[in-house]
């Protein structure tokens, strides 16, 4: 059970009673009570094989900003600029189905696979409201849905001091629209909401591969991690015609470049006395110094690249940089190689 303890207006056409027509009263939000049934079963047809089945309902309250944003409703009178909180929001719901199998190939090698499906409803969205003075604004509401499906396959190996793990995940995530990004959400970004098809979410990352290998002895240990992630989604835009200067395609129909990262961790114990150990440690992130793009421009699909015309260049006036310096944002890339050497004491 959850109770926001807040109030919401009875009349959203004049929620703060700022006009002579105002007659809105404050209504107390009701407590939200939900039951989340869950069931799981595990059985072993063989000594080396285990099969797992699971089903469950899960609930989560929306973020506090969606409940309590602009509690005085002043933002309702500024067209397209604000989204009001809603203390009467319902819990967001997830129904999850999962089936998995784990098989012991040998004393050193295990194989595992999991298939899952997750259905989301009552997700956070925005509805349109209009005031008596014709201002248009948004109110947070449970009006979105999503679905996620995927499969995860893994292999684990361990023999003596050596170990390795390989994991692959294929997953799709689709929804009506990306959820509001935070308390600064502008309703102007939510005006065109007539298309209720399911689109990929902006964090929809189809393929993920993780590989970790290493060894560990009494005095020495090391581990190498290799990580591959296919690109996340973005909404492409491109120059079109004079009557329609910018062509916008389906939301999140573009795919960013994939990323590859390698990390290394190693240690050497050189002192052990009365339960106290001293170690030299080496930790290196992105050891190959790969330039991974974490975000891209919508008109190019790449970092550091934009569609630039003569007007853009002519409109830039500076004695310190040129126009292209404005679009070269280092924050669009992952961190470069980082190496840490340290001394560690364990007791």
Protein backbone atom coordinates (compact mmCIF):
# COMPACT_ATOMS: atom_id res chain seq x y z
CA UNK A 1 0.00 0.00 0.00
CA UNK A 2 1.12 3.54 -0.80
CA UNK A 3 -0.45 6.86 0.09
CA UNK A 4 1.00 10.05 -1.40
CA UNK A 5 -0.69 12.26 1.22
CA UNK A 6 -1.26 14.90 -1.45
CA UNK A 7 -4.19 16.69 -3.07
CA UNK A 8 -5.23 17.31 -6.65
CA UNK A 9 -7.65 19.86 -8.20
CA UNK A 10 -11.22 18.91 -9.07
CA UNK A 11 -11.17 21.23 -12.10
CA UNK A 12 -8.08 21.23 -14.31
CA UNK A 13 -9.42 24.08 -16.47
CA UNK A 14 -8.55 26.46 -13.62
CA UNK A 15 -6.66 24.39 -11.04
CA UNK A 16 -5.37 27.34 -8.98
CA UNK A 17 -8.61 29.41 -9.22
CA UNK A 18 -6.76 32.29 -10.86
CA UNK A 19 -9.76 33.51 -12.88
CA UNK A 20 -13.21 34.74 -11.92
CA UNK A 21 -14.59 31.41 -13.17
CA UNK A 22 -12.51 29.36 -10.74
CA UNK A 23 -14.36 26.86 -8.57
CA UNK A 24 -11.79 24.09 -8.22
CA UNK A 25 -11.50 22.37 -4.86
CA UNK A 26 -8.72 20.23 -3.48
CA UNK A 27 -9.43 16.49 -3.43
CA UNK A 28 -7.31 14.15 -1.34
CA UNK A 29 -5.56 11.37 -3.25
CA UNK A 30 -6.68 7.88 -2.34
CA UNK A 31 -4.36 5.25 -0.93
CA UNK A 32 -3.22 2.70 -3.51
CA UNK A 33 -3.39 -0.96 -2.51
CA UNK A 34 -2.20 -3.78 -4.76
CA UNK A 35 -1.60 -7.52 -4.49
CA UNK A 36 1.36 -8.93 -6.38
CA UNK A 37 1.09 -12.72 -6.78
CA UNK A 38 4.29 -14.58 -7.68
CA UNK A 39 5.01 -18.24 -8.23
CA UNK A 40 8.15 -20.17 -9.19
CA UNK A 41 8.98 -23.82 -9.71
CA UNK A 42 12.28 -25.67 -10.11
CA UNK A 43 12.66 -29.31 -11.08
CA UNK A 44 15.53 -31.54 -12.17
CA UNK A 45 14.80 -34.18 -14.85
CA UNK A 46 18.47 -35.24 -14.47
CA UNK A 47 21.13 -34.80 -11.83
CA UNK A 48 22.97 -32.42 -14.14
CA UNK A 49 19.97 -30.41 -15.37
CA UNK A 50 17.67 -27.93 -13.65
CA UNK A 51 14.66 -26.22 -15.19
CA UNK A 52 13.14 -23.07 -13.69
CA UNK A 53 9.74 -21.48 -14.38
CA UNK A 54 8.57 -18.21 -12.84
CA UNK A 55 5.62 -15.84 -13.09
CA UNK A 56 4.91 -12.72 -11.12
CA UNK A 57 3.24 -9.32 -10.81
CA UNK A 58 5.32 -6.35 -9.68
CA UNK A 59 4.36 -2.77 -8.82
CA UNK A 60 6.31 0.44 -8.47
CA UNK A 61 5.17 3.94 -7.63
CA UNK A 62 6.18 6.71 -10.05
CA UNK A 63 8.98 9.10 -9.15
CA UNK A 64 8.31 11.83 -6.62
CA UNK A 65 8.63 14.56 -9.26
CA UNK A 66 5.63 13.04 -11.11
CA UNK A 67 3.61 13.12 -7.88
CA UNK A 68 4.53 16.52 -6.49
CA UNK A 69 5.78 18.73 -9.34
CA UNK A 70 4.36 22.28 -9.22
CA UNK A 71 2.00 21.71 -6.25
CA UNK A 72 0.55 25.25 -6.60
CA UNK A 73 -0.46 24.62 -10.25
CA UNK A 74 1.01 27.95 -11.37
CA UNK A 75 2.63 26.32 -14.40
CA UNK A 76 -0.80 25.46 -15.82
CA UNK A 77 -1.16 29.03 -17.09
CA UNK A 78 1.95 29.00 -19.31
CA UNK A 79 1.21 27.32 -22.62
CA UNK A 80 3.32 24.26 -23.46
CA UNK A 81 5.93 25.06 -20.82
CA UNK A 82 5.09 22.92 -17.80
CA UNK A 83 3.84 19.55 -16.65
CA UNK A 84 1.99 19.34 -13.36
CA UNK A 85 2.39 16.57 -10.82
CA UNK A 86 -0.45 14.22 -10.01
CA UNK A 87 -0.68 12.90 -6.46
CA UNK A 88 -3.40 10.44 -7.53
CA UNK A 89 -1.16 8.40 -9.85
CA UNK A 90 -1.56 4.63 -9.92
CA UNK A 91 1.35 2.20 -9.34
CA UNK A 92 3.19 1.17 -12.49
CA UNK A 93 2.64 -2.51 -13.21
CA UNK A 94 4.90 -5.22 -14.60
CA UNK A 95 3.93 -8.82 -15.40
CA UNK A 96 6.96 -11.07 -15.90
CA UNK A 97 7.25 -14.56 -17.38
CA UNK A 98 10.54 -16.43 -17.19
CA UNK A 99 11.80 -19.87 -18.12
CA UNK A 100 15.36 -21.07 -17.66
CA UNK A 101 17.51 -24.15 -17.90
CA UNK A 102 20.94 -24.88 -16.42
CA UNK A 103 22.95 -27.89 -17.51
CA UNK A 104 26.24 -29.18 -16.14
CA UNK A 105 28.20 -30.23 -19.21
CA UNK A 106 31.13 -31.46 -17.12
CA UNK A 107 32.73 -30.93 -13.74
CA UNK A 108 34.25 -27.69 -15.10
CA UNK A 109 31.66 -26.40 -17.55
CA UNK A 110 28.08 -25.14 -17.04
CA UNK A 111 25.59 -23.97 -19.66
CA UNK A 112 22.59 -21.78 -18.82
CA UNK A 113 19.80 -20.16 -20.82
CA UNK A 114 16.87 -17.94 -19.80
CA UNK A 115 13.92 -16.72 -21.84
CA UNK A 116 11.83 -13.85 -20.48
CA UNK A 117 8.91 -11.61 -21.32
CA UNK A 118 7.94 -8.48 -19.40
CA UNK A 119 4.72 -6.56 -19.98
CA UNK A 120 4.39 -3.07 -18.52
CA UNK A 121 1.19 -1.10 -18.06
CA UNK A 122 0.12 2.11 -16.31
CA UNK A 123 3.53 3.57 -17.08
CA UNK A 124 4.14 7.26 -16.55
CA UNK A 125 2.97 9.50 -19.37
CA UNK A 126 1.37 12.91 -19.86
CA UNK A 127 -2.18 13.97 -20.71
CA UNK A 128 -3.19 17.30 -22.18
CA UNK A 129 -5.26 19.85 -20.29
CA UNK A 130 -6.51 23.32 -21.24
CA UNK A 131 -7.32 26.24 -18.97
CA UNK A 132 -10.22 28.66 -19.38
CA UNK A 133 -7.80 31.20 -20.84
CA UNK A 134 -6.77 28.68 -23.54
CA UNK A 135 -3.39 27.79 -22.08
CA UNK A 136 -2.30 24.22 -22.82
CA UNK A 137 -0.28 22.24 -20.32
CA UNK A 138 0.37 18.66 -19.30
CA UNK A 139 -0.44 16.52 -16.27
CA UNK A 140 1.42 13.34 -15.40
CA UNK A 141 -0.82 10.29 -15.86
CA UNK A 142 -0.62 6.49 -16.14
CA UNK A 143 -1.32 6.21 -19.86
CA UNK A 144 1.66 4.38 -21.39
CA UNK A 145 2.54 0.72 -21.91
CA UNK A 146 5.61 -1.26 -22.94
CA UNK A 147 6.81 -4.77 -23.63
CA UNK A 148 10.23 -6.33 -23.29
CA UNK A 149 11.30 -9.76 -24.52
CA UNK A 150 14.62 -11.48 -24.69
CA UNK A 151 16.88 -14.44 -24.20
CA UNK A 152 20.10 -14.79 -22.19
CA UNK A 153 22.68 -17.48 -22.82
CA UNK A 154 25.72 -18.06 -20.63
CA UNK A 155 28.66 -20.40 -20.25
CA UNK A 156 30.71 -20.74 -17.03
CA UNK A 157 34.07 -22.50 -16.80
CA UNK A 158 36.25 -23.08 -13.76
CA UNK A 159 39.15 -25.46 -13.35
CA UNK A 160 41.83 -25.17 -10.73
CA UNK A 161 42.98 -21.54 -10.58
CA UNK A 162 41.46 -20.55 -13.93
CA UNK A 163 37.92 -19.35 -14.58
CA UNK A 164 35.96 -17.81 -17.45
CA UNK A 165 32.42 -16.58 -18.12
CA UNK A 166 30.70 -15.77 -21.41
CA UNK A 167 27.26 -14.18 -21.47
CA UNK A 168 25.10 -13.10 -24.42
CA UNK A 169 21.77 -11.24 -24.17
CA UNK A 170 19.30 -10.50 -26.96
CA UNK A 171 16.53 -8.13 -25.89
CA UNK A 172 13.95 -5.79 -27.39
CA UNK A 173 12.08 -3.04 -25.54
CA UNK A 174 9.11 -1.30 -27.16
CA UNK A 175 6.65 1.26 -25.82
CA UNK A 176 4.20 3.95 -26.92
CA UNK A 177 6.70 6.70 -26.17
CA UNK A 178 9.82 7.25 -24.13
CA UNK A 179 8.86 8.14 -20.54
CA UNK A 180 9.20 11.71 -19.21
CA UNK A 181 12.82 12.41 -18.43
CA UNK A 182 12.38 14.27 -15.15
CA UNK A 183 10.87 17.25 -13.35
CA UNK A 184 12.01 19.62 -16.15
CA UNK A 185 9.92 17.81 -18.78
CA UNK A 186 8.27 20.26 -21.19
CA UNK A 187 4.83 19.50 -22.55
CA UNK A 188 5.86 20.93 -25.93
CA UNK A 189 7.78 17.68 -26.47
CA UNK A 190 4.55 15.70 -26.01
CA UNK A 191 2.13 17.50 -28.32
CA UNK A 192 2.02 14.92 -31.12
CA UNK A 193 0.74 11.84 -29.34
CA UNK A 194 -1.87 10.52 -31.78
CA UNK A 195 0.33 7.64 -32.95
CA UNK A 196 -0.05 4.83 -30.41
CA UNK A 197 2.16 2.27 -32.15
CA UNK A 198 4.87 0.59 -30.14
CA UNK A 199 8.31 2.04 -30.87
CA UNK A 200 11.73 0.95 -29.59
CA UNK A 201 12.71 2.71 -26.39
CA UNK A 202 15.76 4.98 -26.48
CA UNK A 203 17.71 2.52 -24.28
CA UNK A 204 16.74 -0.48 -26.44
CA UNK A 205 20.07 -2.29 -26.79
CA UNK A 206 19.58 -5.46 -28.82
CA UNK A 207 22.87 -7.28 -28.29
CA UNK A 208 25.13 -7.48 -25.26
CA UNK A 209 28.17 -9.75 -24.92
CA UNK A 210 30.28 -9.98 -21.75
CA UNK A 211 33.40 -12.11 -21.45
CA UNK A 212 35.50 -12.39 -18.28
CA UNK A 213 38.53 -14.63 -17.85
CA UNK A 214 41.15 -14.81 -15.14
CA UNK A 215 43.09 -16.81 -12.59
CA UNK A 216 43.65 -16.67 -8.86
CA UNK A 217 46.38 -18.21 -6.71
CA UNK A 218 47.47 -17.64 -3.13
CA UNK A 219 49.71 -14.72 -4.04
CA UNK A 220 48.62 -13.55 -7.49
CA UNK A 221 45.41 -12.87 -9.36
CA UNK A 222 44.25 -11.23 -12.58
CA UNK A 223 41.03 -10.82 -14.56
CA UNK A 224 40.33 -9.48 -18.04
CA UNK A 225 36.86 -8.29 -19.06
CA UNK A 226 35.68 -7.71 -22.63
CA UNK A 227 32.33 -6.04 -23.21
CA UNK A 228 30.40 -5.50 -26.44
CA UNK A 229 27.17 -3.49 -26.57
CA UNK A 230 25.19 -2.78 -29.70
CA UNK A 231 24.14 0.82 -30.10
CA UNK A 232 21.19 2.35 -28.30
CA UNK A 233 18.40 4.11 -30.16
CA UNK A 234 17.96 7.71 -31.32
CA UNK A 235 15.37 9.55 -33.43
CA UNK A 236 16.89 10.49 -36.81
CA UNK A 237 16.34 13.90 -38.33
CA UNK A 238 17.60 15.11 -41.67
CA UNK A 239 17.37 18.01 -44.11
CA UNK A 240 14.46 17.58 -46.50
CA UNK A 241 12.65 20.13 -48.70
CA UNK A 242 12.14 23.88 -48.43
CA UNK A 243 8.48 23.38 -47.46
CA UNK A 244 9.48 20.81 -44.86
CA UNK A 245 13.01 21.82 -43.81
CA UNK A 246 13.45 18.98 -41.34
CA UNK A 247 12.36 15.42 -41.93
CA UNK A 248 11.61 13.47 -38.74
CA UNK A 249 11.39 9.69 -39.00
CA UNK A 250 9.75 7.25 -36.58
CA UNK A 251 10.85 7.78 -32.98
CA UNK A 252 14.00 5.87 -32.02
CA UNK A 253 14.33 4.28 -35.46
CA UNK A 254 18.06 5.02 -35.65
CA UNK A 255 20.79 2.95 -33.99
CA UNK A 256 23.93 4.47 -32.49
CA UNK A 257 27.35 2.91 -33.13
CA UNK A 258 28.19 -0.12 -31.00
CA UNK A 259 30.73 0.07 -28.19
CA UNK A 260 33.61 -2.24 -27.23
CA UNK A 261 35.47 -1.99 -23.93
CA UNK A 262 38.21 -3.99 -22.24
CA UNK A 263 39.12 -3.74 -18.53
CA UNK A 264 41.94 -5.35 -16.54
CA UNK A 265 42.36 -6.01 -12.84
CA UNK A 266 45.43 -7.63 -11.27
CA UNK A 267 46.93 -7.94 -7.80
CA UNK A 268 50.03 -9.35 -6.14
CA UNK A 269 50.28 -10.15 -2.42
CA UNK A 270 53.77 -9.51 -1.10
CA UNK A 271 53.16 -9.49 2.68
CA UNK A 272 51.03 -11.72 4.90
CA UNK A 273 51.50 -11.41 8.65
CA UNK A 274 49.09 -12.21 11.51
CA UNK A 275 45.98 -11.93 9.36
CA UNK A 276 47.13 -8.77 7.59
CA UNK A 277 47.82 -8.79 3.85
CA UNK A 278 49.49 -6.15 1.71
CA UNK A 279 48.89 -6.14 -2.04
CA UNK A 280 49.99 -4.22 -5.09
CA UNK A 281 46.98 -3.63 -7.35
CA UNK A 282 46.60 -2.65 -10.98
CA UNK A 283 43.26 -1.50 -12.37
CA UNK A 284 42.85 -0.35 -15.97
CA UNK A 285 39.62 0.74 -17.61
CA UNK A 286 39.32 0.86 -21.41
CA UNK A 287 42.82 -0.54 -21.80
CA UNK A 288 42.77 -0.19 -25.61
CA UNK A 289 41.64 3.46 -25.33
CA UNK A 290 38.64 2.83 -27.58
CA UNK A 291 36.72 5.96 -28.57
CA UNK A 292 33.17 4.78 -27.81
CA UNK A 293 30.27 7.06 -28.74
CA UNK A 294 27.69 7.26 -25.94
CA UNK A 295 25.42 9.83 -27.59
CA UNK A 296 25.00 11.15 -31.13
CA UNK A 297 23.42 14.02 -33.00
CA UNK A 298 20.03 13.18 -34.48
CA UNK A 299 20.84 14.56 -37.93
CA UNK A 300 24.04 12.54 -38.41
CA UNK A 301 23.85 9.54 -36.10
CA UNK A 302 27.40 10.25 -34.96
CA UNK A 303 29.20 12.27 -32.32
CA UNK A 304 31.18 15.31 -33.53
CA UNK A 305 29.25 15.33 -36.83
CA UNK A 306 26.32 17.56 -37.80
CA UNK A 307 24.59 18.81 -40.93
CA UNK A 308 26.11 22.28 -41.34
CA UNK A 309 25.05 24.83 -44.00
CA UNK A 310 26.38 28.24 -44.97
CA UNK A 311 23.95 30.04 -42.65
CA UNK A 312 25.33 28.17 -39.65
CA UNK A 313 28.87 29.14 -40.55
CA UNK A 314 27.99 32.77 -41.35
CA UNK A 315 26.15 33.18 -38.05
CA UNK A 316 29.15 32.19 -35.93
CA UNK A 317 31.25 35.12 -34.69
CA UNK A 318 34.15 34.41 -32.37
CA UNK A 319 37.84 35.23 -32.05
CA UNK A 320 38.52 32.07 -30.03
CA UNK A 321 36.99 29.17 -31.94
CA UNK A 322 35.19 28.18 -35.12
CA UNK A 323 31.68 26.81 -35.60
CA UNK A 324 32.79 23.19 -35.51
CA UNK A 325 34.14 23.63 -31.98
CA UNK A 326 30.54 24.17 -30.87
CA UNK A 327 29.48 20.69 -31.95
CA UNK A 328 32.55 18.84 -30.67
CA UNK A 329 31.38 17.86 -27.21
CA UNK A 330 33.80 15.46 -25.46
CA UNK A 331 30.97 14.34 -23.19
CA UNK A 332 29.50 12.41 -26.14
CA UNK A 333 32.30 9.85 -25.80
CA UNK A 334 33.09 7.36 -23.05
CA UNK A 335 36.03 8.04 -20.76
CA UNK A 336 39.50 7.37 -22.20
CA UNK A 337 41.95 4.84 -20.80
CA UNK A 338 42.35 5.07 -17.04
CA UNK A 339 45.10 3.23 -15.15
CA UNK A 340 45.25 3.01 -11.35
CA UNK A 341 48.17 1.54 -9.41
CA UNK A 342 47.64 1.15 -5.70
CA UNK A 343 48.62 -0.44 -2.42
CA UNK A 344 45.90 -2.39 -0.64
CA UNK A 345 45.75 -3.63 2.96
CA UNK A 346 43.39 -6.44 3.95
CA UNK A 347 42.77 -7.62 7.51
